[in-house]
PDB file of N, CA and C in Angstrom:
ATOM      1  N   MET A   1       0.821  -1.184   0.000  1.00  0.00           N
ATOM      2  CA  MET A   1       0.000   0.000   0.000  1.00  0.00           C
ATOM      3  C   MET A   1       0.867   1.252   0.000  1.00  0.00           C
ATOM      4  N   LEU A   2       1.798   1.278  -0.890  1.00  0.00           N
ATOM      5  CA  LEU A   2       2.723   2.387  -1.000  1.00  0.00           C
ATOM      6  C   LEU A   2       2.007   3.688  -1.372  1.00  0.00           C
ATOM      7  N   HIS A   3       0.919   3.595  -2.118  1.00  0.00           N
ATOM      8  CA  HIS A   3       0.203   4.793  -2.563  1.00  0.00           C
ATOM      9  C   HIS A   3      -0.385   5.597  -1.397  1.00  0.00           C
ATOM     10  N   LEU A   4      -0.538   5.004  -0.229  1.00  0.00           N
ATOM     11  CA  LEU A   4      -1.078   5.728   0.919  1.00  0.00           C
ATOM     12  C   LEU A   4      -0.082   6.744   1.476  1.00  0.00           C
ATOM     13  N   LYS A   5       1.190   6.599   1.137  1.00  0.00           N
ATOM     14  CA  LYS A   5       2.224   7.502   1.625  1.00  0.00           C
ATOM     15  C   LYS A   5       2.612   8.570   0.607  1.00  0.00           C
ATOM     16  N   TRP A   6       2.015   8.571  -0.586  1.00  0.00           N
ATOM     17  CA  TRP A   6       2.381   9.517  -1.635  1.00  0.00           C
ATOM     18  C   TRP A   6       2.098  10.962  -1.241  1.00  0.00           C
ATOM     19  N   LYS A   7       1.065  11.215  -0.483  1.00  0.00           N
ATOM     20  CA  LYS A   7       0.714  12.590  -0.126  1.00  0.00           C
ATOM     21  C   LYS A   7       1.822  13.250   0.685  1.00  0.00           C
ATOM     22  N   ASP A   8       2.501  12.488   1.519  1.00  0.00           N
ATOM     23  CA  ASP A   8       3.584  13.012   2.339  1.00  0.00           C
ATOM     24  C   ASP A   8       4.945  12.889   1.669  1.00  0.00           C
ATOM     25  N   ALA A   9       5.005  12.268   0.502  1.00  0.00           N
ATOM     26  CA  ALA A   9       6.270  12.069  -0.203  1.00  0.00           C
ATOM     27  C   ALA A   9       6.777  13.395  -0.766  1.00  0.00           C
ATOM     28  N   PRO A  10       8.076  13.503  -0.996  1.00  0.00           N
ATOM     29  CA  PRO A  10       8.610  14.731  -1.599  1.00  0.00           C
ATOM     30  C   PRO A  10       8.100  14.899  -3.029  1.00  0.00           C
ATOM     31  N   THR A  11       7.963  16.136  -3.438  1.00  0.00           N
ATOM     32  CA  THR A  11       7.471  16.452  -4.777  1.00  0.00           C
ATOM     33  C   THR A  11       8.552  16.159  -5.808  1.00  0.00           C
ATOM     34  N   ILE A  12       8.185  15.436  -6.871  1.00  0.00           N
ATOM     35  CA  ILE A  12       9.127  15.116  -7.946  1.00  0.00           C
ATOM     36  C   ILE A  12       9.362  16.352  -8.813  1.00  0.00           C
ATOM     37  N   ARG A  13       8.278  16.984  -9.233  1.00  0.00           N
ATOM     38  CA  ARG A  13       8.313  18.196 -10.051  1.00  0.00           C
ATOM     39  C   ARG A  13       6.921  18.805 -10.028  1.00  0.00           C
ATOM     40  N   THR A  14       6.742  19.924 -10.689  1.00  0.00           N
ATOM     41  CA  THR A  14       5.413  20.521 -10.794  1.00  0.00           C
ATOM     42  C   THR A  14       4.996  20.533 -12.260  1.00  0.00           C
ATOM     43  N   VAL A  15       3.693  20.427 -12.478  1.00  0.00           N
ATOM     44  CA  VAL A  15       3.132  20.488 -13.827  1.00  0.00           C
ATOM     45  C   VAL A  15       1.992  21.497 -13.828  1.00  0.00           C
ATOM     46  N   THR A  16       1.722  22.063 -14.994  1.00  0.00           N
ATOM     47  CA  THR A  16       0.641  23.027 -15.153  1.00  0.00           C
ATOM     48  C   THR A  16      -0.462  22.395 -15.988  1.00  0.00           C
ATOM     49  N   CYS A  17      -1.689  22.522 -15.530  1.00  0.00           N
ATOM     50  CA  CYS A  17      -2.841  21.979 -16.264  1.00  0.00           C
ATOM     51  C   CYS A  17      -3.090  22.844 -17.498  1.00  0.00           C
ATOM     52  N   LYS A  18      -3.144  22.221 -18.682  1.00  0.00           N
ATOM     53  CA  LYS A  18      -3.348  22.983 -19.904  1.00  0.00           C
ATOM     54  C   LYS A  18      -4.777  22.899 -20.436  1.00  0.00           C
ATOM     55  N   HIS A  19      -5.531  21.871 -20.055  1.00  0.00           N
ATOM     56  CA  HIS A  19      -6.944  21.781 -20.444  1.00  0.00           C
ATOM     57  C   HIS A  19      -7.664  20.758 -19.575  1.00  0.00           C
ATOM     58  N   THR A  20      -8.986  20.829 -19.572  1.00  0.00           N
ATOM     59  CA  THR A  20      -9.800  19.857 -18.837  1.00  0.00           C
ATOM     60  C   THR A  20     -10.842  19.241 -19.759  1.00  0.00           C
ATOM     61  N   ASN A  21     -10.568  19.205 -21.058  1.00  0.00           N
ATOM     62  CA  ASN A  21     -11.482  18.640 -22.044  1.00  0.00           C
ATOM     63  C   ASN A  21     -11.303  17.132 -22.106  1.00  0.00           C
ATOM     64  N   ALA A  22     -12.036  16.427 -21.282  1.00  0.00           N
ATOM     65  CA  ALA A  22     -11.934  14.971 -21.233  1.00  0.00           C
ATOM     66  C   ALA A  22     -13.053  14.356 -22.055  1.00  0.00           C
ATOM     67  N   SER A  23     -12.720  13.305 -22.791  1.00  0.00           N
ATOM     68  CA  SER A  23     -13.732  12.653 -23.618  1.00  0.00           C
ATOM     69  C   SER A  23     -14.592  11.679 -22.824  1.00  0.00           C
ATOM     70  N   LYS A  24     -14.068  11.132 -21.744  1.00  0.00           N
ATOM     71  CA  LYS A  24     -14.794  10.100 -21.022  1.00  0.00           C
ATOM     72  C   LYS A  24     -15.121  10.478 -19.581  1.00  0.00           C
ATOM     73  N   TYR A  25     -14.214  11.190 -18.910  1.00  0.00           N
ATOM     74  CA  TYR A  25     -14.383  11.485 -17.489  1.00  0.00           C
ATOM     75  C   TYR A  25     -14.523  12.982 -17.263  1.00  0.00           C
ATOM     76  N   LEU A  26     -15.165  13.370 -16.179  1.00  0.00           N
ATOM     77  CA  LEU A  26     -15.305  14.768 -15.797  1.00  0.00           C
ATOM     78  C   LEU A  26     -14.144  15.145 -14.885  1.00  0.00           C
ATOM     79  N   VAL A  27     -13.216  15.951 -15.385  1.00  0.00           N
ATOM     80  CA  VAL A  27     -12.061  16.348 -14.588  1.00  0.00           C
ATOM     81  C   VAL A  27     -12.084  17.833 -14.242  1.00  0.00           C
ATOM     82  N   SER A  28     -13.016  18.583 -14.785  1.00  0.00           N
ATOM     83  CA  SER A  28     -13.058  20.020 -14.523  1.00  0.00           C
ATOM     84  C   SER A  28     -13.421  20.335 -13.068  1.00  0.00           C
ATOM     85  N   ASN A  29     -13.965  19.374 -12.332  1.00  0.00           N
ATOM     86  CA  ASN A  29     -14.282  19.584 -10.919  1.00  0.00           C
ATOM     87  C   ASN A  29     -13.044  19.505 -10.025  1.00  0.00           C
ATOM     88  N   VAL A  30     -11.994  18.839 -10.484  1.00  0.00           N
ATOM     89  CA  VAL A  30     -10.818  18.627  -9.644  1.00  0.00           C
ATOM     90  C   VAL A  30      -9.538  19.235 -10.211  1.00  0.00           C
ATOM     91  N   LEU A  31      -9.567  19.704 -11.454  1.00  0.00           N
ATOM     92  CA  LEU A  31      -8.412  20.362 -12.065  1.00  0.00           C
ATOM     93  C   LEU A  31      -8.807  21.752 -12.529  1.00  0.00           C
ATOM     94  N   THR A  32      -7.882  22.699 -12.452  1.00  0.00           N
ATOM     95  CA  THR A  32      -8.108  24.062 -12.895  1.00  0.00           C
ATOM     96  C   THR A  32      -7.076  24.393 -13.963  1.00  0.00           C
ATOM     97  N   VAL A  33      -7.545  24.897 -15.107  1.00  0.00           N
ATOM     98  CA  VAL A  33      -6.647  25.245 -16.200  1.00  0.00           C
ATOM     99  C   VAL A  33      -5.718  26.373 -15.745  1.00  0.00           C
ATOM    100  N   GLY A  34      -4.418  26.207 -15.992  1.00  0.00           N
ATOM    101  CA  GLY A  34      -3.425  27.206 -15.637  1.00  0.00           C
ATOM    102  C   GLY A  34      -2.830  27.050 -14.250  1.00  0.00           C
ATOM    103  N   LYS A  35      -3.378  26.191 -13.435  1.00  0.00           N
ATOM    104  CA  LYS A  35      -2.866  25.999 -12.076  1.00  0.00           C
ATOM    105  C   LYS A  35      -1.734  24.981 -12.075  1.00  0.00           C
ATOM    106  N   GLU A  36      -0.742  25.197 -11.221  1.00  0.00           N
ATOM    107  CA  GLU A  36       0.371  24.262 -11.070  1.00  0.00           C
ATOM    108  C   GLU A  36       0.051  23.236  -9.988  1.00  0.00           C
ATOM    109  N   TYR A  37       0.424  21.987 -10.250  1.00  0.00           N
ATOM    110  CA  TYR A  37       0.186  20.891  -9.327  1.00  0.00           C
ATOM    111  C   TYR A  37       1.498  20.179  -9.029  1.00  0.00           C
ATOM    112  N   GLU A  38       1.628  19.659  -7.819  1.00  0.00           N
ATOM    113  CA  GLU A  38       2.810  18.913  -7.407  1.00  0.00           C
ATOM    114  C   GLU A  38       2.685  17.455  -7.822  1.00  0.00           C
ATOM    115  N   VAL A  39       3.672  16.946  -8.544  1.00  0.00           N
ATOM    116  CA  VAL A  39       3.689  15.547  -8.966  1.00  0.00           C
ATOM    117  C   VAL A  39       4.313  14.718  -7.847  1.00  0.00           C
ATOM    118  N   LYS A  40       3.562  13.740  -7.368  1.00  0.00           N
ATOM    119  CA  LYS A  40       4.042  12.867  -6.301  1.00  0.00           C
ATOM    120  C   LYS A  40       4.547  11.529  -6.826  1.00  0.00           C
ATOM    121  N   ASN A  41       4.013  11.074  -7.963  1.00  0.00           N
ATOM    122  CA  ASN A  41       4.470   9.843  -8.600  1.00  0.00           C
ATOM    123  C   ASN A  41       4.108   9.939 -10.072  1.00  0.00           C
ATOM    124  N   GLU A  42       4.771   9.135 -10.888  1.00  0.00           N
ATOM    125  CA  GLU A  42       4.577   9.230 -12.332  1.00  0.00           C
ATOM    126  C   GLU A  42       4.813   7.879 -12.982  1.00  0.00           C
ATOM    127  N   THR A  43       3.996   7.567 -13.993  1.00  0.00           N
ATOM    128  CA  THR A  43       4.209   6.386 -14.821  1.00  0.00           C
ATOM    129  C   THR A  43       4.316   6.862 -16.267  1.00  0.00           C
ATOM    130  N   GLU A  44       4.388   5.930 -17.197  1.00  0.00           N
ATOM    131  CA  GLU A  44       4.475   6.313 -18.610  1.00  0.00           C
ATOM    132  C   GLU A  44       3.221   7.039 -19.083  1.00  0.00           C
ATOM    133  N   GLU A  45       2.064   6.689 -18.541  1.00  0.00           N
ATOM    134  CA  GLU A  45       0.790   7.225 -19.020  1.00  0.00           C
ATOM    135  C   GLU A  45       0.135   8.215 -18.064  1.00  0.00           C
ATOM    136  N   PHE A  46       0.418   8.108 -16.778  1.00  0.00           N
ATOM    137  CA  PHE A  46      -0.272   8.907 -15.766  1.00  0.00           C
ATOM    138  C   PHE A  46       0.688   9.713 -14.908  1.00  0.00           C
ATOM    139  N   VAL A  47       0.156  10.816 -14.343  1.00  0.00           N
ATOM    140  CA  VAL A  47       0.834  11.537 -13.263  1.00  0.00           C
ATOM    141  C   VAL A  47      -0.097  11.502 -12.065  1.00  0.00           C
ATOM    142  N   PHE A  48       0.469  11.362 -10.903  1.00  0.00           N
ATOM    143  CA  PHE A  48      -0.295  11.334  -9.663  1.00  0.00           C
ATOM    144  C   PHE A  48       0.008  12.625  -8.918  1.00  0.00           C
ATOM    145  N   ILE A  49      -1.014  13.458  -8.753  1.00  0.00           N
ATOM    146  CA  ILE A  49      -0.847  14.796  -8.204  1.00  0.00           C
ATOM    147  C   ILE A  49      -1.799  15.006  -7.031  1.00  0.00           C
ATOM    148  N   ILE A  50      -1.562  16.070  -6.282  1.00  0.00           N
ATOM    149  CA  ILE A  50      -2.530  16.517  -5.291  1.00  0.00           C
ATOM    150  C   ILE A  50      -3.446  17.489  -6.012  1.00  0.00           C
ATOM    151  N   ASP A  51      -4.690  17.090  -6.235  1.00  0.00           N
ATOM    152  CA  ASP A  51      -5.624  17.902  -7.013  1.00  0.00           C
ATOM    153  C   ASP A  51      -6.349  18.914  -6.133  1.00  0.00           C
ATOM    154  N   ASN A  52      -7.389  19.554  -6.675  1.00  0.00           N
ATOM    155  CA  ASN A  52      -8.114  20.603  -5.961  1.00  0.00           C
ATOM    156  C   ASN A  52      -8.848  20.097  -4.717  1.00  0.00           C
ATOM    157  N   THR A  53      -9.066  18.803  -4.602  1.00  0.00           N
ATOM    158  CA  THR A  53      -9.736  18.251  -3.426  1.00  0.00           C
ATOM    159  C   THR A  53      -8.771  18.070  -2.263  1.00  0.00           C
ATOM    160  N   GLY A  54      -7.462  18.193  -2.541  1.00  0.00           N
ATOM    161  CA  GLY A  54      -6.455  17.995  -1.512  1.00  0.00           C
ATOM    162  C   GLY A  54      -6.006  16.556  -1.385  1.00  0.00           C
ATOM    163  N   LEU A  55      -6.487  15.700  -2.261  1.00  0.00           N
ATOM    164  CA  LEU A  55      -6.128  14.281  -2.240  1.00  0.00           C
ATOM    165  C   LEU A  55      -5.300  13.933  -3.468  1.00  0.00           C
ATOM    166  N   ILE A  56      -4.673  12.773  -3.448  1.00  0.00           N
ATOM    167  CA  ILE A  56      -3.904  12.296  -4.594  1.00  0.00           C
ATOM    168  C   ILE A  56      -4.864  11.777  -5.658  1.00  0.00           C
ATOM    169  N   GLY A  57      -4.632  12.193  -6.896  1.00  0.00           N
ATOM    170  CA  GLY A  57      -5.427  11.709  -8.020  1.00  0.00           C
ATOM    171  C   GLY A  57      -4.510  11.359  -9.171  1.00  0.00           C
ATOM    172  N   GLY A  58      -4.867  10.360  -9.951  1.00  0.00           N
ATOM    173  CA  GLY A  58      -4.095   9.954 -11.117  1.00  0.00           C
ATOM    174  C   GLY A  58      -4.772  10.445 -12.379  1.00  0.00           C
ATOM    175  N   TYR A  59      -4.031  11.145 -13.226  1.00  0.00           N
ATOM    176  CA  TYR A  59      -4.590  11.754 -14.437  1.00  0.00           C
ATOM    177  C   TYR A  59      -3.676  11.480 -15.620  1.00  0.00           C
ATOM    178  N   TYR A  60      -4.274  11.404 -16.822  1.00  0.00           N
ATOM    179  CA  TYR A  60      -3.478  11.238 -18.029  1.00  0.00           C
ATOM    180  C   TYR A  60      -2.536  12.424 -18.191  1.00  0.00           C
ATOM    181  N   LYS A  61      -1.365  12.177 -18.738  1.00  0.00           N
ATOM    182  CA  LYS A  61      -0.368  13.218 -18.904  1.00  0.00           C
ATOM    183  C   LYS A  61      -0.799  14.289 -19.907  1.00  0.00           C
ATOM    184  N   ASP A  62      -1.743  13.977 -20.791  1.00  0.00           N
ATOM    185  CA  ASP A  62      -2.112  14.962 -21.814  1.00  0.00           C
ATOM    186  C   ASP A  62      -2.881  16.164 -21.249  1.00  0.00           C
ATOM    187  N   TYR A  63      -3.275  16.135 -20.000  1.00  0.00           N
ATOM    188  CA  TYR A  63      -3.903  17.308 -19.372  1.00  0.00           C
ATOM    189  C   TYR A  63      -2.883  18.340 -18.935  1.00  0.00           C
ATOM    190  N   PHE A  64      -1.607  17.982 -18.920  1.00  0.00           N
ATOM    191  CA  PHE A  64      -0.570  18.832 -18.327  1.00  0.00           C
ATOM    192  C   PHE A  64       0.513  19.173 -19.317  1.00  0.00           C
ATOM    193  N   ALA A  65       1.130  20.338 -19.099  1.00  0.00           N
ATOM    194  CA  ALA A  65       2.241  20.783 -19.950  1.00  0.00           C
ATOM    195  C   ALA A  65       3.559  20.479 -19.282  1.00  0.00           C
TER     196      ALA A  65
END
């Protein structure tokens, strides 16, 4: 259960949200265009950030610059 400790983990880098136009999921409630987010973990397809709810969320990399 390593993912439970990601919120307290050091930040890898920061990313800026460039859009919230999702074809399948509603992300505009938890992401804000132009806002910077702290990346806590990353895979080839996803970034795991602390979103607007204050919790860790996994999002496709194409939302971020």
